[in-house]
Structures are given as structure tokens and as C-alpha cells.
C-alpha atoms as a PDB file:
ATOM      1  CA  MET A   1      74.014  15.247 -85.693  1.00  0.00           C
ATOM      2  CA  THR A   2      73.176  18.752 -84.489  1.00  0.00           C
ATOM      3  CA  GLU A   3      70.679  20.620 -86.633  1.00  0.00           C
ATOM      4  CA  ILE A   4      68.463  23.651 -86.122  1.00  0.00           C
ATOM      5  CA  ARG A   5      65.525  24.483 -88.346  1.00  0.00           C
ATOM      6  CA  THR A   6      64.094  27.954 -88.569  1.00  0.00           C
ATOM      7  CA  PRO A   7      61.176  28.970 -90.802  1.00  0.00           C
ATOM      8  CA  ARG A   8      63.502  29.401 -93.801  1.00  0.00           C
ATOM      9  CA  LEU A   9      66.849  27.873 -92.877  1.00  0.00           C
ATOM     10  CA  LEU A  10      68.626  24.693 -91.860  1.00  0.00           C
ATOM     11  CA  LEU A  11      71.681  25.125 -89.631  1.00  0.00           C
ATOM     12  CA  ARG A  12      73.771  21.957 -89.718  1.00  0.00           C
ATOM     13  CA  ARG A  13      77.241  20.468 -89.565  1.00  0.00           C
ATOM     14  CA  TRP A  14      79.474  20.638 -92.610  1.00  0.00           C
ATOM     15  CA  HIS A  15      79.381  18.262 -95.614  1.00  0.00           C
ATOM     16  CA  ASP A  16      82.114  17.652 -98.193  1.00  0.00           C
ATOM     17  CA  ASP A  17      80.016  19.272-100.921  1.00  0.00           C
ATOM     18  CA  ASP A  18      79.907  22.551 -98.945  1.00  0.00           C
ATOM     19  CA  LEU A  19      83.522  23.370 -99.862  1.00  0.00           C
ATOM     20  CA  VAL A  20      82.925  24.928-103.288  1.00  0.00           C
ATOM     21  CA  PRO A  21      79.913  27.093-102.337  1.00  0.00           C
ATOM     22  CA  MET A  22      81.666  28.270 -99.154  1.00  0.00           C
ATOM     23  CA  GLY A  23      84.762  28.895-101.247  1.00  0.00           C
ATOM     24  CA  ASP A  24      82.693  31.122-103.532  1.00  0.00           C
ATOM     25  CA  ILE A  25      81.477  33.106-100.510  1.00  0.00           C
ATOM     26  CA  ASN A  26      85.038  33.464 -99.173  1.00  0.00           C
ATOM     27  CA  ALA A  27      86.268  34.594-102.611  1.00  0.00           C
ATOM     28  CA  ASP A  28      83.887  37.580-102.644  1.00  0.00           C
ATOM     29  CA  PRO A  29      85.716  40.793-101.619  1.00  0.00           C
ATOM     30  CA  ARG A  30      82.437  42.325-100.385  1.00  0.00           C
ATOM     31  CA  VAL A  31      81.948  39.445 -97.954  1.00  0.00           C
ATOM     32  CA  MET A  32      85.535  39.370 -96.721  1.00  0.00           C
ATOM     33  CA  HIS A  33      85.922  43.159 -96.381  1.00  0.00           C
ATOM     34  CA  TRP A  34      85.114  43.106 -92.634  1.00  0.00           C
ATOM     35  CA  ILE A  35      86.970  39.873 -91.785  1.00  0.00           C
ATOM     36  CA  ASP A  36      90.586  39.790 -90.611  1.00  0.00           C
ATOM     37  CA  ASP A  37      92.698  41.782 -93.102  1.00  0.00           C
ATOM     38  CA  GLY A  38      89.921  41.803 -95.717  1.00  0.00           C
ATOM     39  CA  ALA A  39      91.691  39.358 -98.027  1.00  0.00           C
ATOM     40  CA  VAL A  40      89.640  36.834 -99.961  1.00  0.00           C
ATOM     41  CA  ARG A  41      90.278  33.149 -99.299  1.00  0.00           C
ATOM     42  CA  ASP A  42      90.974  30.388-101.793  1.00  0.00           C
ATOM     43  CA  LEU A  43      89.597  26.840-101.681  1.00  0.00           C
ATOM     44  CA  ASP A  44      92.549  25.537 -99.657  1.00  0.00           C
ATOM     45  CA  ARG A  45      92.043  28.164 -96.963  1.00  0.00           C
ATOM     46  CA  THR A  46      88.277  27.539 -97.016  1.00  0.00           C
ATOM     47  CA  ALA A  47      88.917  23.808 -96.519  1.00  0.00           C
ATOM     48  CA  GLU A  48      91.147  24.665 -93.539  1.00  0.00           C
ATOM     49  CA  ASP A  49      88.392  26.903 -92.112  1.00  0.00           C
ATOM     50  CA  ILE A  50      85.764  24.166 -92.414  1.00  0.00           C
ATOM     51  CA  GLU A  51      88.132  21.622 -90.860  1.00  0.00           C
ATOM     52  CA  GLN A  52      88.781  23.987 -87.945  1.00  0.00           C
ATOM     53  CA  TRP A  53      85.043  24.633 -87.494  1.00  0.00           C
ATOM     54  CA  GLU A  54      84.364  20.899 -87.401  1.00  0.00           C
ATOM     55  CA  GLU A  55      87.193  20.345 -84.892  1.00  0.00           C
ATOM     56  CA  GLU A  56      85.649  22.983 -82.627  1.00  0.00           C
ATOM     57  CA  TRP A  57      82.357  21.101 -82.773  1.00  0.00           C
ATOM     58  CA  ASP A  58      84.149  17.930 -81.678  1.00  0.00           C
ATOM     59  CA  GLU A  59      86.165  19.641 -78.924  1.00  0.00           C
ATOM     60  CA  GLU A  60      83.668  22.187 -77.545  1.00  0.00           C
ATOM     61  CA  GLY A  61      80.241  20.750 -78.384  1.00  0.00           C
ATOM     62  CA  PHE A  62      79.425  23.837 -80.438  1.00  0.00           C
ATOM     63  CA  GLY A  63      80.782  25.482 -83.547  1.00  0.00           C
ATOM     64  CA  LEU A  64      79.953  27.252 -86.761  1.00  0.00           C
ATOM     65  CA  PHE A  65      76.969  25.861 -88.640  1.00  0.00           C
ATOM     66  CA  ALA A  66      76.654  25.555 -92.382  1.00  0.00           C
ATOM     67  CA  VAL A  67      73.492  27.504 -93.240  1.00  0.00           C
ATOM     68  CA  GLU A  68      71.293  26.398 -96.103  1.00  0.00           C
ATOM     69  CA  LEU A  69      67.979  27.532 -97.501  1.00  0.00           C
ATOM     70  CA  LEU A  70      65.268  25.035 -96.636  1.00  0.00           C
ATOM     71  CA  GLY A  71      63.496  25.447 -99.963  1.00  0.00           C
ATOM     72  CA  SER A  72      66.459  24.842-102.255  1.00  0.00           C
ATOM     73  CA  GLY A  73      69.170  23.291-100.070  1.00  0.00           C
ATOM     74  CA  GLU A  74      71.556  26.023-101.274  1.00  0.00           C
ATOM     75  CA  LEU A  75      74.430  26.855 -98.911  1.00  0.00           C
ATOM     76  CA  ILE A  76      74.194  30.569 -98.058  1.00  0.00           C
ATOM     77  CA  GLY A  77      76.967  30.873 -95.475  1.00  0.00           C
ATOM     78  CA  VAL A  78      78.041  30.200 -91.931  1.00  0.00           C
ATOM     79  CA  VAL A  79      76.576  31.196 -88.550  1.00  0.00           C
ATOM     80  CA  GLY A  80      77.567  29.872 -85.177  1.00  0.00           C
ATOM     81  CA  LEU A  81      79.635  29.864 -82.033  1.00  0.00           C
ATOM     82  CA  SER A  82      83.374  29.896 -81.492  1.00  0.00           C
ATOM     83  CA  VAL A  83      86.016  30.639 -78.904  1.00  0.00           C
ATOM     84  CA  PRO A  84      87.580  33.940 -80.074  1.00  0.00           C
ATOM     85  CA  GLU A  85      91.198  32.935 -79.510  1.00  0.00           C
ATOM     86  CA  PHE A  86      92.444  35.935 -81.520  1.00  0.00           C
ATOM     87  CA  LEU A  87      91.198  38.243 -78.728  1.00  0.00           C
ATOM     88  CA  PRO A  88      92.433  36.820 -75.405  1.00  0.00           C
ATOM     89  CA  GLU A  89      90.956  39.701 -73.376  1.00  0.00           C
ATOM     90  CA  VAL A  90      87.413  38.343 -73.862  1.00  0.00           C
ATOM     91  CA  GLN A  91      88.110  34.741 -72.964  1.00  0.00           C
ATOM     92  CA  PRO A  92      86.590  32.487 -71.704  1.00  0.00           C
ATOM     93  CA  ASP A  93      83.550  33.951 -73.483  1.00  0.00           C
ATOM     94  CA  VAL A  94      82.030  32.297 -76.544  1.00  0.00           C
ATOM     95  CA  ALA A  95      81.277  34.493 -79.559  1.00  0.00           C
ATOM     96  CA  ILE A  96      78.469  34.313 -82.072  1.00  0.00           C
ATOM     97  CA  SER A  97      79.325  35.287 -85.644  1.00  0.00           C
ATOM     98  CA  TRP A  98      78.036  35.021 -89.199  1.00  0.00           C
ATOM     99  CA  ARG A  99      79.169  35.266 -92.796  1.00  0.00           C
ATOM    100  CA  LEU A 100      76.677  35.048 -95.648  1.00  0.00           C
ATOM    101  CA  GLY A 101      77.090  35.249 -99.387  1.00  0.00           C
ATOM    102  CA  SER A 102      76.408  38.800-100.583  1.00  0.00           C
ATOM    103  CA  GLN A 103      73.450  37.691-102.706  1.00  0.00           C
ATOM    104  CA  PHE A 104      71.708  36.719 -99.439  1.00  0.00           C
ATOM    105  CA  TRP A 105      72.217  40.027 -97.638  1.00  0.00           C
ATOM    106  CA  GLY A 106      69.272  42.192 -96.665  1.00  0.00           C
ATOM    107  CA  GLN A 107      66.768  39.343 -96.443  1.00  0.00           C
ATOM    108  CA  GLY A 108      66.878  38.705 -92.695  1.00  0.00           C
ATOM    109  CA  TYR A 109      68.735  35.401 -92.979  1.00  0.00           C
ATOM    110  CA  ALA A 110      71.646  36.437 -90.720  1.00  0.00           C
ATOM    111  CA  SER A 111      69.263  37.624 -88.000  1.00  0.00           C
ATOM    112  CA  GLU A 112      67.117  34.496 -88.273  1.00  0.00           C
ATOM    113  CA  ALA A 113      70.109  32.160 -88.053  1.00  0.00           C
ATOM    114  CA  ALA A 114      71.837  34.189 -85.331  1.00  0.00           C
ATOM    115  CA  GLN A 115      68.696  34.259 -83.151  1.00  0.00           C
ATOM    116  CA  ALA A 116      68.365  30.476 -83.454  1.00  0.00           C
ATOM    117  CA  THR A 117      72.061  30.062 -82.668  1.00  0.00           C
ATOM    118  CA  LEU A 118      71.838  32.324 -79.614  1.00  0.00           C
ATOM    119  CA  GLU A 119      68.900  30.299 -78.309  1.00  0.00           C
ATOM    120  CA  PHE A 120      70.882  27.099 -78.966  1.00  0.00           C
ATOM    121  CA  ALA A 121      73.871  28.488 -77.036  1.00  0.00           C
ATOM    122  CA  LEU A 122      71.973  29.656 -73.976  1.00  0.00           C
ATOM    123  CA  GLN A 123      69.281  26.990 -73.741  1.00  0.00           C
ATOM    124  CA  ASP A 124      70.646  23.847 -75.377  1.00  0.00           C
ATOM    125  CA  ARG A 125      74.393  24.150 -74.692  1.00  0.00           C
ATOM    126  CA  GLY A 126      73.960  25.719 -71.266  1.00  0.00           C
ATOM    127  CA  LEU A 127      76.199  28.724 -71.832  1.00  0.00           C
ATOM    128  CA  ASP A 128      75.559  31.531 -69.345  1.00  0.00           C
ATOM    129  CA  ARG A 129      76.717  34.254 -71.698  1.00  0.00           C
ATOM    130  CA  VAL A 130      77.473  34.912 -75.375  1.00  0.00           C
ATOM    131  CA  ILE A 131      79.360  37.802 -76.946  1.00  0.00           C
ATOM    132  CA  SER A 132      79.676  39.216 -80.424  1.00  0.00           C
ATOM    133  CA  ILE A 133      82.754  41.009 -81.723  1.00  0.00           C
ATOM    134  CA  ASN A 134      82.087  43.507 -84.494  1.00  0.00           C
ATOM    135  CA  ARG A 135      84.494  45.638 -86.469  1.00  0.00           C
ATOM    136  CA  VAL A 136      83.480  49.260 -85.932  1.00  0.00           C
ATOM    137  CA  GLY A 137      81.773  50.536 -89.079  1.00  0.00           C
ATOM    138  CA  ASN A 138      80.180  47.224 -90.097  1.00  0.00           C
ATOM    139  CA  GLU A 139      76.608  48.500 -89.909  1.00  0.00           C
ATOM    140  CA  ALA A 140      75.005  45.351 -91.337  1.00  0.00           C
ATOM    141  CA  SER A 141      76.414  43.221 -88.523  1.00  0.00           C
ATOM    142  CA  GLU A 142      75.583  45.989 -86.059  1.00  0.00           C
ATOM    143  CA  ASN A 143      71.925  45.625 -87.117  1.00  0.00           C
ATOM    144  CA  VAL A 144      71.981  41.877 -86.458  1.00  0.00           C
ATOM    145  CA  ILE A 145      73.558  42.463 -83.040  1.00  0.00           C
ATOM    146  CA  ARG A 146      70.809  44.981 -82.169  1.00  0.00           C
ATOM    147  CA  LYS A 147      68.146  42.426 -83.116  1.00  0.00           C
ATOM    148  CA  LEU A 148      69.804  39.960 -80.715  1.00  0.00           C
ATOM    149  CA  ASP A 149      69.398  42.540 -77.898  1.00  0.00           C
ATOM    150  CA  MET A 150      73.106  42.384 -77.121  1.00  0.00           C
ATOM    151  CA  THR A 151      74.567  45.209 -75.037  1.00  0.00           C
ATOM    152  CA  PRO A 152      77.743  47.089 -76.001  1.00  0.00           C
ATOM    153  CA  GLU A 153      80.425  46.350 -73.401  1.00  0.00           C
ATOM    154  CA  ARG A 154      83.713  47.745 -74.642  1.00  0.00           C
ATOM    155  CA  THR A 155      85.727  48.943 -77.575  1.00  0.00           C
ATOM    156  CA  THR A 156      89.150  47.476 -78.192  1.00  0.00           C
ATOM    157  CA  ALA A 157      91.562  47.042 -81.078  1.00  0.00           C
ATOM    158  CA  HIS A 158      92.226  43.978 -83.177  1.00  0.00           C
ATOM    159  CA  PRO A 159      95.532  42.658 -81.809  1.00  0.00           C
ATOM    160  CA  VAL A 160      96.991  41.977 -85.274  1.00  0.00           C
ATOM    161  CA  TYR A 161      95.368  44.502 -87.626  1.00  0.00           C
ATOM    162  CA  GLY A 162      94.795  47.361 -85.182  1.00  0.00           C
ATOM    163  CA  TYR A 163      91.322  48.415 -86.324  1.00  0.00           C
ATOM    164  CA  PRO A 164      88.673  49.121 -83.662  1.00  0.00           C
ATOM    165  CA  LEU A 165      86.390  46.338 -82.488  1.00  0.00           C
ATOM    166  CA  ARG A 166      83.276  46.619 -80.365  1.00  0.00           C
ATOM    167  CA  VAL A 167      82.372  43.765 -78.018  1.00  0.00           C
ATOM    168  CA  TYR A 168      78.715  43.126 -77.203  1.00  0.00           C
ATOM    169  CA  GLY A 169      77.295  40.657 -74.723  1.00  0.00           C
ATOM    170  CA  ILE A 170      74.120  39.032 -73.512  1.00  0.00           C
ATOM    171  CA  ASP A 171      73.641  36.647 -70.623  1.00  0.00           C
ATOM    172  CA  LEU A 172      70.945  34.097 -69.950  1.00  0.00           C
ATOM    173  CA  THR A 173      68.916  36.369 -67.654  1.00  0.00           C
ATOM    174  CA  GLN A 174      68.886  39.161 -70.268  1.00  0.00           C
ATOM    175  CA  PHE A 175      67.922  36.668 -72.971  1.00  0.00           C
ATOM    176  CA  GLU A 176      65.023  35.266 -70.967  1.00  0.00           C
ATOM    177  CA  ALA A 177      63.703  38.710 -69.949  1.00  0.00           C
END
């Protein structure tokens, strides 16, 4: 089983008892505002998401981690790697992304988990490059991307919803520098 420990977090594969807490995160309009069309997700859709994330782990050898607080074991969200199939122009790149419950914002958890995930991607999984796709205007995610030392590469539009997206990238040589 793939796990990453940081000073405050455990990044791990998904468990059955993660459904309800992840469902609570997905039901928060503040969390979902920047994702897809901004609609909240119910438990059925959250179960489909988790199933898809687990399938990607099985097929690709990487995926989206469940993120829990080491001290309490509380699920705080999701951080990890995925193939951004919704945006064919960036393929075959692998994207890093995150989604945390709003009560965990502003505490450095997203940056801590994303940094560990980036290291995992480039050093453990042997990827040469990782991207991040951010909806223009999402300053909180922009801050995490800056902390990862990712470089802006292009601006494009979401192929379904039309809003502007900015693509950032980092390769292994930049990461090791």
C-alpha cells in the first residue's frame, strides 16, 4: 500500500469509511466553487469519484491520495496525481491537484501534501514532468503552485465550461535545482 507521511499528514489510498467525510467536503459550495461547474456533489457522485481515483491508482501506479491529519486520523481532503483527460491539449502530462475541506484552509496543509506528492511523482514514480491546471482567479491554489516552484506555461479555456485556465509545469531538473 502506498503511503506518504509528512510532519502533519498521512497521504494514503482510500478506505470505505472515507466516503462520508469526503462527501461532506464535496457538499461544501466554498470547496466546489473552483471545480468544474462549481456544483456540489452528493454521496453517490463522491463514491464514483473515489472509485475512479482508485482505478487510476491500479491502472497508472499513481492517483489521488486521501489526506488525513496524523494526530487525529481525520480525513481533510484529497491531494494527488491524475491524467487530465478533460484537457487533451496537455496530454500526456500528469497533473497534481488538491481539494481540502474549508475548515482546513490557510494552515499549510495543501502545500505540505502537494510538495510531498510532487516529490513522490518525480522521484518515486519516475515522472519527468508534472503540471498543475488552475482556474484563473483561484488565488489560494495559485499560492500552493508558487510554493511548488512551478512555472506558468500557458493560458487556455476549459473545453466544457469556457472559463480561463492557467497551466503550470515543473520538470525533474527544475525540481532538483
